[in-house]
Amino acid sequence: MKTKNINQVIVWLLVSSMSMFTVSCNEDIDNSYSRNQSVIELQPSGEFVKLDENNPDATALTLDWTTAHDYGDDYITTYKYEMRVSGSTADEIVEYEDDGHFSRIYTNKQLQELLVNHFGQLTSTIREVQFTVTASFEGPRLVIPDIATAKVNVKTYGPKQFSADELFMGGTAVGDEDVRLEANNDGTVYSYTG
C-alpha cells in the first residue's frame, strides 16, 4: 500500500513537472532570427546636400528613423545616434535618444559649423557623412542590437581651401624664378619677405 502511494506520488510529480516545463517554454526570443533581421530604418531627406550660405536658418537635412523590434515590457530599448565624417580624425558625435523623438533636423548653418569646426572639413568641399542609429535591448536575455546606417554627401560653403606642403610665388614682382614661401611652425601660414 505504501509503495503504491509512493509510486503514485512520483508519477504525479513527474507528470506535473513535465507539464510545467512544457508550458513555461512557450515564448522564446530567437536570437538567430533577430541577428540578421533588423527592422529599424534610417531615412535621410536626400543623398546629396549643398549647404546654402545665403539661407543659414533653412533646413538642410532631416533624418528620421523607425522604432526597433518590440520585445515586450521585459526589455528596455535604448537608441544611440552617431554622426561621423569620412576622412576625419575627429571623434564622432554620439547622442542617446530615449524620449521617442526619432529624428534629427540640421540647418545650413548648424551642419556647416559641425563639419568645418568639429570634423575639420575644408570649406567648399564635398564629404561623405555617415549617420548610424543603434537600438540596444536590455532584458532577461541577450538580444542582438538593431542597426541602421545612412550616408549623405554634403558640400560646405565658403572660399575654396586647399592643403599644401610647399607654396611658391611667381610673377613680375619676384623676377624670373618662382620663390618658395617659408611656412610657420605648424605649416598653416606661409610668408614672403623681399
N, C-alpha and C. Protein backbone atom coordinates (compact mmCIF):
# COMPACT_ATOMS: atom_id res chain seq x y z
N MET A 1 0.82 -1.19 0.00
CA MET A 1 0.00 0.00 0.00
C MET A 1 0.87 1.26 0.00
N LYS A 2 1.92 1.25 0.86
CA LYS A 2 2.79 2.41 0.91
C LYS A 2 3.55 2.58 -0.40
N THR A 3 4.05 1.52 -0.98
CA THR A 3 4.76 1.62 -2.25
C THR A 3 3.84 2.09 -3.36
N LYS A 4 2.59 1.68 -3.31
CA LYS A 4 1.64 2.12 -4.34
C LYS A 4 1.43 3.63 -4.24
N ASN A 5 1.27 4.14 -3.02
CA ASN A 5 1.10 5.59 -2.82
C ASN A 5 2.36 6.36 -3.22
N ILE A 6 3.51 5.80 -2.87
CA ILE A 6 4.77 6.46 -3.23
C ILE A 6 4.92 6.51 -4.75
N ASN A 7 4.61 5.40 -5.41
CA ASN A 7 4.69 5.37 -6.88
C ASN A 7 3.72 6.36 -7.51
N GLN A 8 2.51 6.47 -6.95
CA GLN A 8 1.52 7.42 -7.48
C GLN A 8 2.01 8.86 -7.31
N VAL A 9 2.62 9.15 -6.15
CA VAL A 9 3.13 10.50 -5.90
C VAL A 9 4.28 10.81 -6.87
N ILE A 10 5.17 9.84 -7.08
CA ILE A 10 6.28 10.05 -8.00
C ILE A 10 5.78 10.27 -9.42
N VAL A 11 4.84 9.46 -9.86
CA VAL A 11 4.26 9.62 -11.21
C VAL A 11 3.58 10.98 -11.31
N TRP A 12 2.82 11.35 -10.29
CA TRP A 12 2.13 12.64 -10.31
C TRP A 12 3.13 13.80 -10.38
N LEU A 13 4.24 13.73 -9.60
CA LEU A 13 5.27 14.77 -9.64
C LEU A 13 5.95 14.85 -11.01
N LEU A 14 6.24 13.71 -11.60
CA LEU A 14 6.86 13.70 -12.93
C LEU A 14 5.94 14.32 -13.98
N VAL A 15 4.68 13.94 -13.96
CA VAL A 15 3.72 14.46 -14.94
C VAL A 15 3.52 15.97 -14.75
N SER A 16 3.37 16.40 -13.50
CA SER A 16 3.15 17.84 -13.27
C SER A 16 4.41 18.66 -13.61
N SER A 17 5.60 18.15 -13.29
CA SER A 17 6.81 18.90 -13.63
C SER A 17 7.01 18.95 -15.15
N MET A 18 6.70 17.89 -15.86
CA MET A 18 6.81 17.91 -17.32
C MET A 18 5.81 18.89 -17.93
N SER A 19 4.61 18.93 -17.41
CA SER A 19 3.62 19.86 -17.96
C SER A 19 4.01 21.31 -17.64
N MET A 20 4.56 21.55 -16.44
CA MET A 20 5.01 22.91 -16.11
C MET A 20 6.18 23.31 -17.01
N PHE A 21 7.09 22.40 -17.28
CA PHE A 21 8.22 22.68 -18.16
C PHE A 21 7.74 23.00 -19.58
N THR A 22 6.79 22.25 -20.06
CA THR A 22 6.25 22.47 -21.41
C THR A 22 5.53 23.80 -21.50
N VAL A 23 4.75 24.17 -20.50
CA VAL A 23 4.00 25.42 -20.52
C VAL A 23 4.93 26.62 -20.34
N SER A 24 5.96 26.49 -19.53
CA SER A 24 6.84 27.63 -19.25
C SER A 24 7.74 27.99 -20.43
N CYS A 25 7.92 27.14 -21.39
CA CYS A 25 8.82 27.40 -22.51
C CYS A 25 8.07 27.73 -23.80
N ASN A 26 6.91 28.34 -23.71
CA ASN A 26 6.13 28.58 -24.92
C ASN A 26 6.56 29.84 -25.66
N GLU A 27 7.24 30.81 -25.03
CA GLU A 27 7.64 32.04 -25.70
C GLU A 27 9.15 32.17 -25.62
N ASP A 28 9.78 32.25 -26.78
CA ASP A 28 11.23 32.31 -26.81
C ASP A 28 11.65 33.32 -27.86
N ILE A 29 12.63 34.14 -27.53
CA ILE A 29 13.17 35.10 -28.49
C ILE A 29 14.27 34.41 -29.25
N ASP A 30 14.14 34.40 -30.56
CA ASP A 30 15.09 33.71 -31.41
C ASP A 30 16.21 34.67 -31.80
N ASN A 31 17.35 34.58 -31.12
CA ASN A 31 18.46 35.48 -31.41
C ASN A 31 19.02 35.27 -32.81
N SER A 32 18.96 34.05 -33.32
CA SER A 32 19.47 33.84 -34.67
C SER A 32 18.60 34.56 -35.69
N TYR A 33 17.31 34.69 -35.42
CA TYR A 33 16.43 35.45 -36.32
C TYR A 33 16.71 36.95 -36.19
N SER A 34 16.77 37.45 -34.96
CA SER A 34 16.95 38.89 -34.77
C SER A 34 18.34 39.36 -35.17
N ARG A 35 19.29 38.46 -35.22
CA ARG A 35 20.66 38.84 -35.57
C ARG A 35 20.74 39.44 -36.97
N ASN A 36 19.96 38.93 -37.91
CA ASN A 36 20.04 39.38 -39.29
C ASN A 36 18.74 40.01 -39.78
N GLN A 37 17.83 40.30 -38.92
CA GLN A 37 16.54 40.84 -39.32
C GLN A 37 16.26 42.17 -38.63
N SER A 38 17.10 43.13 -38.84
CA SER A 38 16.93 44.44 -38.23
C SER A 38 15.75 45.15 -38.88
N VAL A 39 14.84 45.68 -38.08
CA VAL A 39 13.66 46.35 -38.63
C VAL A 39 13.79 47.86 -38.57
N ILE A 40 14.78 48.37 -37.87
CA ILE A 40 14.95 49.81 -37.77
C ILE A 40 15.43 50.35 -39.13
N GLU A 41 14.87 51.48 -39.55
CA GLU A 41 15.25 52.11 -40.82
C GLU A 41 15.57 53.57 -40.58
N LEU A 42 16.62 54.05 -41.21
CA LEU A 42 17.06 55.44 -41.11
C LEU A 42 16.94 56.07 -42.49
N GLN A 43 16.12 57.13 -42.59
CA GLN A 43 15.84 57.78 -43.87
C GLN A 43 16.33 59.22 -43.86
N PRO A 44 17.33 59.57 -44.68
CA PRO A 44 17.71 60.98 -44.82
C PRO A 44 16.79 61.66 -45.82
N SER A 45 16.71 62.99 -45.76
CA SER A 45 15.85 63.73 -46.68
C SER A 45 16.45 63.79 -48.08
N GLY A 46 17.70 63.44 -48.24
CA GLY A 46 18.34 63.40 -49.56
C GLY A 46 19.69 62.74 -49.48
N GLU A 47 20.23 62.35 -50.64
CA GLU A 47 21.54 61.71 -50.68
C GLU A 47 22.67 62.72 -50.87
N PHE A 48 22.34 63.93 -51.37
CA PHE A 48 23.34 64.97 -51.57
C PHE A 48 22.77 66.29 -51.05
N VAL A 49 23.56 66.99 -50.24
CA VAL A 49 23.14 68.28 -49.69
C VAL A 49 24.21 69.31 -50.01
N LYS A 50 23.78 70.40 -50.65
CA LYS A 50 24.68 71.54 -50.89
C LYS A 50 24.23 72.63 -49.94
N LEU A 51 25.08 72.95 -48.97
CA LEU A 51 24.73 73.93 -47.96
C LEU A 51 24.65 75.32 -48.58
N ASP A 52 23.65 76.10 -48.14
CA ASP A 52 23.37 77.43 -48.70
C ASP A 52 23.79 78.50 -47.71
N GLU A 53 24.84 79.24 -48.05
CA GLU A 53 25.36 80.30 -47.18
C GLU A 53 24.37 81.45 -47.05
N ASN A 54 23.57 81.70 -48.08
CA ASN A 54 22.63 82.82 -48.07
C ASN A 54 21.36 82.53 -47.29
N ASN A 55 21.14 81.29 -46.91
CA ASN A 55 19.94 80.91 -46.17
C ASN A 55 20.34 80.04 -44.97
N PRO A 56 21.02 80.61 -43.96
CA PRO A 56 21.60 79.80 -42.89
C PRO A 56 20.58 79.10 -41.99
N ASP A 57 19.37 79.66 -41.85
CA ASP A 57 18.39 79.07 -40.95
C ASP A 57 17.44 78.09 -41.62
N ALA A 58 17.59 77.88 -42.92
CA ALA A 58 16.74 76.92 -43.63
C ALA A 58 17.20 75.49 -43.32
N THR A 59 16.26 74.56 -43.33
CA THR A 59 16.57 73.17 -43.07
C THR A 59 17.36 72.59 -44.23
N ALA A 60 18.53 72.05 -43.93
CA ALA A 60 19.39 71.45 -44.96
C ALA A 60 19.21 69.94 -45.02
N LEU A 61 19.03 69.30 -43.86
CA LEU A 61 18.98 67.85 -43.81
C LEU A 61 18.07 67.41 -42.67
N THR A 62 17.23 66.43 -42.97
CA THR A 62 16.36 65.82 -41.96
C THR A 62 16.61 64.31 -41.97
N LEU A 63 16.77 63.74 -40.79
CA LEU A 63 16.94 62.29 -40.64
C LEU A 63 15.82 61.76 -39.77
N ASP A 64 15.10 60.77 -40.26
CA ASP A 64 14.03 60.13 -39.50
C ASP A 64 14.32 58.64 -39.42
N TRP A 65 14.03 58.03 -38.25
CA TRP A 65 14.18 56.59 -38.15
C TRP A 65 12.97 55.97 -37.46
N THR A 66 12.77 54.69 -37.77
CA THR A 66 11.63 53.96 -37.23
C THR A 66 12.04 53.28 -35.92
N THR A 67 11.05 52.79 -35.21
CA THR A 67 11.34 52.08 -33.96
C THR A 67 11.92 50.70 -34.26
N ALA A 68 12.58 50.14 -33.28
CA ALA A 68 13.20 48.83 -33.42
C ALA A 68 12.20 47.74 -33.02
N HIS A 69 12.70 46.51 -32.95
CA HIS A 69 11.87 45.39 -32.51
C HIS A 69 11.22 45.70 -31.17
N ASP A 70 10.00 45.27 -30.98
CA ASP A 70 9.34 45.39 -29.68
C ASP A 70 9.37 44.02 -29.01
N TYR A 71 10.22 43.89 -28.01
CA TYR A 71 10.36 42.61 -27.31
C TYR A 71 9.51 42.54 -26.05
N GLY A 72 8.65 43.49 -25.84
CA GLY A 72 7.75 43.45 -24.70
C GLY A 72 8.24 44.29 -23.53
N ASP A 73 7.48 44.20 -22.43
CA ASP A 73 7.75 45.03 -21.26
C ASP A 73 8.99 44.59 -20.48
N ASP A 74 9.49 43.39 -20.74
CA ASP A 74 10.68 42.91 -20.02
C ASP A 74 11.97 43.54 -20.54
N TYR A 75 11.89 44.25 -21.66
CA TYR A 75 13.08 44.80 -22.30
C TYR A 75 13.02 46.32 -22.35
N ILE A 76 14.17 46.95 -22.13
CA ILE A 76 14.31 48.40 -22.25
C ILE A 76 15.13 48.65 -23.52
N THR A 77 14.61 49.50 -24.40
CA THR A 77 15.28 49.81 -25.66
C THR A 77 15.94 51.18 -25.56
N THR A 78 17.21 51.25 -25.92
CA THR A 78 17.97 52.50 -25.92
C THR A 78 18.48 52.74 -27.33
N TYR A 79 18.26 53.97 -27.82
CA TYR A 79 18.70 54.34 -29.17
C TYR A 79 19.95 55.21 -29.07
N LYS A 80 20.99 54.82 -29.80
CA LYS A 80 22.23 55.60 -29.85
C LYS A 80 22.37 56.15 -31.27
N TYR A 81 22.52 57.48 -31.36
CA TYR A 81 22.64 58.18 -32.64
C TYR A 81 24.09 58.62 -32.80
N GLU A 82 24.70 58.31 -33.95
CA GLU A 82 26.10 58.67 -34.20
C GLU A 82 26.23 59.38 -35.55
N MET A 83 27.15 60.34 -35.59
CA MET A 83 27.46 61.06 -36.83
C MET A 83 28.97 61.08 -36.98
N ARG A 84 29.46 60.63 -38.14
CA ARG A 84 30.90 60.67 -38.41
C ARG A 84 31.12 61.09 -39.85
N VAL A 85 32.31 61.65 -40.11
CA VAL A 85 32.66 62.12 -41.45
C VAL A 85 33.84 61.31 -41.95
N SER A 86 33.73 60.82 -43.18
CA SER A 86 34.83 60.03 -43.74
C SER A 86 36.07 60.90 -43.90
N GLY A 87 37.20 60.35 -43.54
CA GLY A 87 38.46 61.07 -43.65
C GLY A 87 38.76 62.00 -42.50
N SER A 88 37.87 62.10 -41.52
CA SER A 88 38.09 63.00 -40.39
C SER A 88 38.69 62.22 -39.23
N THR A 89 39.62 62.85 -38.54
CA THR A 89 40.22 62.23 -37.36
C THR A 89 39.50 62.63 -36.08
N ALA A 90 38.51 63.50 -36.19
CA ALA A 90 37.75 63.94 -35.01
C ALA A 90 36.83 62.82 -34.54
N ASP A 91 36.51 62.85 -33.25
CA ASP A 91 35.59 61.87 -32.69
C ASP A 91 34.20 62.07 -33.28
N GLU A 92 33.48 60.94 -33.44
CA GLU A 92 32.12 61.05 -33.93
C GLU A 92 31.24 61.69 -32.86
N ILE A 93 30.14 62.24 -33.30
CA ILE A 93 29.16 62.83 -32.38
C ILE A 93 28.22 61.72 -31.96
N VAL A 94 28.03 61.54 -30.65
CA VAL A 94 27.19 60.48 -30.13
C VAL A 94 26.13 61.09 -29.23
N GLU A 95 24.87 60.71 -29.47
CA GLU A 95 23.76 61.15 -28.63
C GLU A 95 22.89 59.93 -28.33
N TYR A 96 22.21 59.97 -27.19
CA TYR A 96 21.29 58.90 -26.82
C TYR A 96 19.87 59.44 -26.84
N GLU A 97 18.97 58.65 -27.38
CA GLU A 97 17.58 59.08 -27.53
C GLU A 97 16.69 58.15 -26.73
N ASP A 98 15.98 58.71 -25.77
CA ASP A 98 15.03 57.89 -25.02
C ASP A 98 13.68 58.59 -24.85
N ASP A 99 13.50 59.72 -25.54
CA ASP A 99 12.25 60.47 -25.43
C ASP A 99 11.25 60.11 -26.51
N GLY A 100 11.62 59.27 -27.45
CA GLY A 100 10.71 58.89 -28.53
C GLY A 100 10.72 59.85 -29.70
N HIS A 101 11.69 60.79 -29.75
CA HIS A 101 11.81 61.70 -30.90
C HIS A 101 12.82 61.07 -31.86
N PHE A 102 12.32 60.38 -32.85
CA PHE A 102 13.18 59.62 -33.74
C PHE A 102 13.52 60.42 -35.00
N SER A 103 14.08 61.61 -34.81
CA SER A 103 14.50 62.42 -35.95
C SER A 103 15.55 63.44 -35.51
N ARG A 104 16.31 63.90 -36.49
CA ARG A 104 17.26 64.99 -36.29
C ARG A 104 17.10 65.94 -37.47
N ILE A 105 17.13 67.24 -37.17
CA ILE A 105 17.00 68.27 -38.20
C ILE A 105 18.21 69.19 -38.09
N TYR A 106 18.87 69.44 -39.22
CA TYR A 106 20.03 70.32 -39.27
C TYR A 106 19.76 71.46 -40.23
N THR A 107 20.08 72.69 -39.80
CA THR A 107 20.01 73.84 -40.70
C THR A 107 21.33 73.94 -41.46
N ASN A 108 21.36 74.81 -42.47
CA ASN A 108 22.60 75.02 -43.23
C ASN A 108 23.74 75.45 -42.32
N LYS A 109 23.45 76.37 -41.42
CA LYS A 109 24.49 76.90 -40.52
C LYS A 109 24.97 75.83 -39.53
N GLN A 110 24.04 75.06 -38.95
CA GLN A 110 24.43 74.02 -37.99
C GLN A 110 25.32 72.97 -38.64
N LEU A 111 24.93 72.51 -39.81
CA LEU A 111 25.70 71.48 -40.49
C LEU A 111 27.07 72.01 -40.94
N GLN A 112 27.11 73.25 -41.40
CA GLN A 112 28.38 73.88 -41.78
C GLN A 112 29.32 73.95 -40.58
N GLU A 113 28.82 74.41 -39.44
CA GLU A 113 29.65 74.53 -38.24
C GLU A 113 30.13 73.17 -37.74
N LEU A 114 29.26 72.16 -37.78
CA LEU A 114 29.67 70.82 -37.37
C LEU A 114 30.78 70.28 -38.26
N LEU A 115 30.58 70.39 -39.57
CA LEU A 115 31.55 69.82 -40.50
C LEU A 115 32.88 70.56 -40.48
N VAL A 116 32.85 71.89 -40.45
CA VAL A 116 34.09 72.67 -40.51
C VAL A 116 34.77 72.75 -39.15
N ASN A 117 34.02 73.08 -38.10
CA ASN A 117 34.63 73.31 -36.78
C ASN A 117 34.90 72.02 -36.02
N HIS A 118 33.97 71.07 -36.03
CA HIS A 118 34.16 69.84 -35.26
C HIS A 118 34.97 68.79 -36.03
N PHE A 119 34.56 68.54 -37.28
CA PHE A 119 35.20 67.47 -38.05
C PHE A 119 36.40 67.94 -38.88
N GLY A 120 36.64 69.25 -38.95
CA GLY A 120 37.81 69.76 -39.65
C GLY A 120 37.73 69.68 -41.17
N GLN A 121 36.54 69.67 -41.72
CA GLN A 121 36.38 69.63 -43.17
C GLN A 121 36.72 70.99 -43.76
N LEU A 122 37.37 71.00 -44.91
CA LEU A 122 37.67 72.25 -45.59
C LEU A 122 36.40 72.84 -46.19
N THR A 123 36.35 74.16 -46.29
CA THR A 123 35.18 74.80 -46.89
C THR A 123 35.17 74.55 -48.39
N SER A 124 33.96 74.57 -48.94
CA SER A 124 33.72 74.40 -50.37
C SER A 124 34.22 73.04 -50.88
N THR A 125 34.06 72.00 -50.05
CA THR A 125 34.42 70.64 -50.45
C THR A 125 33.26 69.70 -50.15
N ILE A 126 33.30 68.53 -50.76
CA ILE A 126 32.25 67.52 -50.57
C ILE A 126 32.83 66.40 -49.73
N ARG A 127 32.08 66.00 -48.70
CA ARG A 127 32.48 64.88 -47.84
C ARG A 127 31.27 63.97 -47.61
N GLU A 128 31.58 62.69 -47.40
CA GLU A 128 30.54 61.73 -47.07
C GLU A 128 30.34 61.72 -45.55
N VAL A 129 29.10 61.95 -45.13
CA VAL A 129 28.75 61.95 -43.72
C VAL A 129 27.93 60.69 -43.46
N GLN A 130 28.33 59.92 -42.46
CA GLN A 130 27.62 58.68 -42.13
C GLN A 130 26.86 58.85 -40.83
N PHE A 131 25.59 58.50 -40.87
CA PHE A 131 24.73 58.55 -39.70
C PHE A 131 24.35 57.12 -39.34
N THR A 132 24.42 56.79 -38.05
CA THR A 132 24.09 55.44 -37.59
C THR A 132 23.18 55.54 -36.38
N VAL A 133 22.13 54.71 -36.37
CA VAL A 133 21.26 54.58 -35.21
C VAL A 133 21.33 53.12 -34.77
N THR A 134 21.68 52.91 -33.50
CA THR A 134 21.78 51.57 -32.94
C THR A 134 20.78 51.44 -31.81
N ALA A 135 19.89 50.46 -31.91
CA ALA A 135 18.92 50.19 -30.86
C ALA A 135 19.42 49.01 -30.04
N SER A 136 19.74 49.25 -28.77
CA SER A 136 20.22 48.20 -27.87
C SER A 136 19.08 47.79 -26.95
N PHE A 137 19.05 46.51 -26.61
CA PHE A 137 17.98 45.96 -25.79
C PHE A 137 18.56 45.42 -24.50
N GLU A 138 17.95 45.81 -23.39
CA GLU A 138 18.38 45.32 -22.08
C GLU A 138 17.22 44.57 -21.47
N GLY A 139 17.44 43.31 -21.13
CA GLY A 139 16.37 42.49 -20.58
C GLY A 139 16.89 41.17 -20.08
N PRO A 140 15.99 40.20 -19.87
CA PRO A 140 16.39 38.92 -19.29
C PRO A 140 17.30 38.08 -20.18
N ARG A 141 17.27 38.30 -21.48
CA ARG A 141 18.13 37.54 -22.39
C ARG A 141 18.89 38.50 -23.29
N LEU A 142 20.03 38.05 -23.76
CA LEU A 142 20.84 38.84 -24.68
C LEU A 142 20.15 38.90 -26.04
N VAL A 143 19.98 40.11 -26.57
CA VAL A 143 19.38 40.31 -27.88
C VAL A 143 20.34 41.15 -28.70
N ILE A 144 20.56 40.75 -29.94
CA ILE A 144 21.46 41.46 -30.84
C ILE A 144 20.86 42.83 -31.16
N PRO A 145 21.65 43.92 -31.12
CA PRO A 145 21.12 45.26 -31.40
C PRO A 145 20.66 45.41 -32.85
N ASP A 146 19.68 46.29 -33.05
CA ASP A 146 19.24 46.69 -34.39
C ASP A 146 20.10 47.87 -34.82
N ILE A 147 20.58 47.86 -36.05
CA ILE A 147 21.45 48.94 -36.54
C ILE A 147 20.95 49.40 -37.91
N ALA A 148 20.89 50.73 -38.07
CA ALA A 148 20.55 51.33 -39.36
C ALA A 148 21.59 52.40 -39.68
N THR A 149 21.99 52.47 -40.95
CA THR A 149 23.01 53.42 -41.38
C THR A 149 22.55 54.14 -42.63
N ALA A 150 22.88 55.44 -42.71
CA ALA A 150 22.61 56.23 -43.92
C ALA A 150 23.83 57.08 -44.22
N LYS A 151 24.13 57.24 -45.50
CA LYS A 151 25.26 58.06 -45.92
C LYS A 151 24.75 59.20 -46.79
N VAL A 152 25.26 60.40 -46.51
CA VAL A 152 24.85 61.60 -47.25
C VAL A 152 26.12 62.36 -47.63
N ASN A 153 26.21 62.79 -48.88
CA ASN A 153 27.31 63.64 -49.33
C ASN A 153 26.91 65.09 -49.10
N VAL A 154 27.78 65.84 -48.42
CA VAL A 154 27.48 67.23 -48.07
C VAL A 154 28.59 68.13 -48.60
N LYS A 155 28.18 69.21 -49.30
CA LYS A 155 29.14 70.21 -49.79
C LYS A 155 29.02 71.45 -48.92
N THR A 156 30.12 71.83 -48.31
CA THR A 156 30.14 73.03 -47.46
C THR A 156 30.30 74.27 -48.33
N TYR A 157 30.00 75.42 -47.74
CA TYR A 157 30.17 76.68 -48.47
C TYR A 157 31.39 77.42 -47.94
N GLY A 158 31.77 78.48 -48.63
CA GLY A 158 32.91 79.29 -48.22
C GLY A 158 33.97 79.30 -49.30
N PRO A 159 35.03 80.07 -49.09
CA PRO A 159 36.10 80.13 -50.09
C PRO A 159 36.80 78.78 -50.20
N LYS A 160 37.25 78.47 -51.40
CA LYS A 160 37.94 77.20 -51.65
C LYS A 160 39.25 77.18 -50.88
N GLN A 161 39.44 76.12 -50.09
CA GLN A 161 40.67 75.93 -49.34
C GLN A 161 41.42 74.74 -49.92
N PHE A 162 42.69 74.70 -49.67
CA PHE A 162 43.47 73.55 -50.10
C PHE A 162 44.59 73.32 -49.09
N SER A 163 45.07 72.11 -49.05
CA SER A 163 46.20 71.77 -48.19
C SER A 163 47.45 71.72 -49.05
N ALA A 164 48.52 72.31 -48.55
CA ALA A 164 49.77 72.33 -49.31
C ALA A 164 50.93 72.11 -48.36
N ASP A 165 51.93 71.39 -48.84
CA ASP A 165 53.15 71.26 -48.04
C ASP A 165 54.24 72.20 -48.56
N GLU A 166 54.09 72.68 -49.79
CA GLU A 166 55.01 73.67 -50.35
C GLU A 166 54.18 74.71 -51.10
N LEU A 167 54.63 75.95 -51.05
CA LEU A 167 53.92 77.02 -51.73
C LEU A 167 54.95 77.93 -52.39
N PHE A 168 54.71 78.24 -53.67
CA PHE A 168 55.62 79.08 -54.44
C PHE A 168 54.88 80.32 -54.92
N MET A 169 55.63 81.41 -55.07
CA MET A 169 55.05 82.65 -55.58
C MET A 169 55.79 82.99 -56.87
N GLY A 170 55.03 83.37 -57.88
CA GLY A 170 55.63 83.73 -59.16
C GLY A 170 55.01 85.00 -59.69
N GLY A 171 55.65 85.60 -60.68
CA GLY A 171 55.12 86.80 -61.29
C GLY A 171 56.20 87.85 -61.46
N THR A 172 55.79 89.04 -61.89
CA THR A 172 56.76 90.10 -62.17
C THR A 172 57.37 90.68 -60.90
N ALA A 173 56.72 90.55 -59.78
CA ALA A 173 57.25 91.12 -58.53
C ALA A 173 58.44 90.36 -58.00
N VAL A 174 58.60 89.09 -58.36
CA VAL A 174 59.69 88.28 -57.82
C VAL A 174 60.74 87.92 -58.85
N GLY A 175 60.62 88.37 -60.07
CA GLY A 175 61.62 88.08 -61.09
C GLY A 175 61.26 86.86 -61.91
N ASP A 176 62.29 86.30 -62.55
CA ASP A 176 62.07 85.17 -63.47
C ASP A 176 61.85 83.85 -62.75
N GLU A 177 62.45 83.66 -61.60
CA GLU A 177 62.35 82.39 -60.87
C GLU A 177 61.23 82.46 -59.84
N ASP A 178 60.48 81.35 -59.70
CA ASP A 178 59.47 81.28 -58.64
C ASP A 178 60.17 81.23 -57.29
N VAL A 179 59.58 81.90 -56.30
CA VAL A 179 60.16 81.97 -54.97
C VAL A 179 59.38 81.04 -54.04
N ARG A 180 60.12 80.19 -53.33
CA ARG A 180 59.49 79.28 -52.37
C ARG A 180 59.17 80.06 -51.10
N LEU A 181 57.91 79.98 -50.65
CA LEU A 181 57.50 80.68 -49.43
C LEU A 181 57.80 79.81 -48.23
N GLU A 182 58.18 80.42 -47.13
CA GLU A 182 58.52 79.71 -45.90
C GLU A 182 57.27 79.55 -45.04
N ALA A 183 57.12 78.36 -44.47
CA ALA A 183 55.96 78.07 -43.62
C ALA A 183 56.30 78.34 -42.16
N ASN A 184 55.25 78.64 -41.37
CA ASN A 184 55.46 78.79 -39.93
C ASN A 184 55.62 77.40 -39.31
N ASN A 185 55.70 77.31 -37.99
CA ASN A 185 55.97 76.05 -37.31
C ASN A 185 54.93 74.97 -37.55
N ASP A 186 53.66 75.33 -37.61
CA ASP A 186 52.63 74.30 -37.80
C ASP A 186 52.24 74.13 -39.26
N GLY A 187 52.88 74.86 -40.17
CA GLY A 187 52.66 74.66 -41.60
C GLY A 187 51.36 75.20 -42.14
N THR A 188 50.76 76.16 -41.45
CA THR A 188 49.47 76.68 -41.91
C THR A 188 49.57 78.08 -42.49
N VAL A 189 50.65 78.81 -42.18
CA VAL A 189 50.81 80.18 -42.67
C VAL A 189 52.14 80.26 -43.42
N TYR A 190 52.07 80.80 -44.64
CA TYR A 190 53.27 80.99 -45.46
C TYR A 190 53.53 82.48 -45.60
N SER A 191 54.81 82.87 -45.56
CA SER A 191 55.13 84.29 -45.65
C SER A 191 56.29 84.51 -46.62
N TYR A 192 56.38 85.75 -47.10
CA TYR A 192 57.45 86.14 -48.03
C TYR A 192 57.99 87.50 -47.61
N THR A 193 59.27 87.60 -47.53
CA THR A 193 59.90 88.89 -47.29
C THR A 193 60.88 89.13 -48.42
N GLY A 194 60.79 90.27 -49.01
CA GLY A 194 61.71 90.54 -50.10
C GLY A 194 61.28 91.73 -50.92
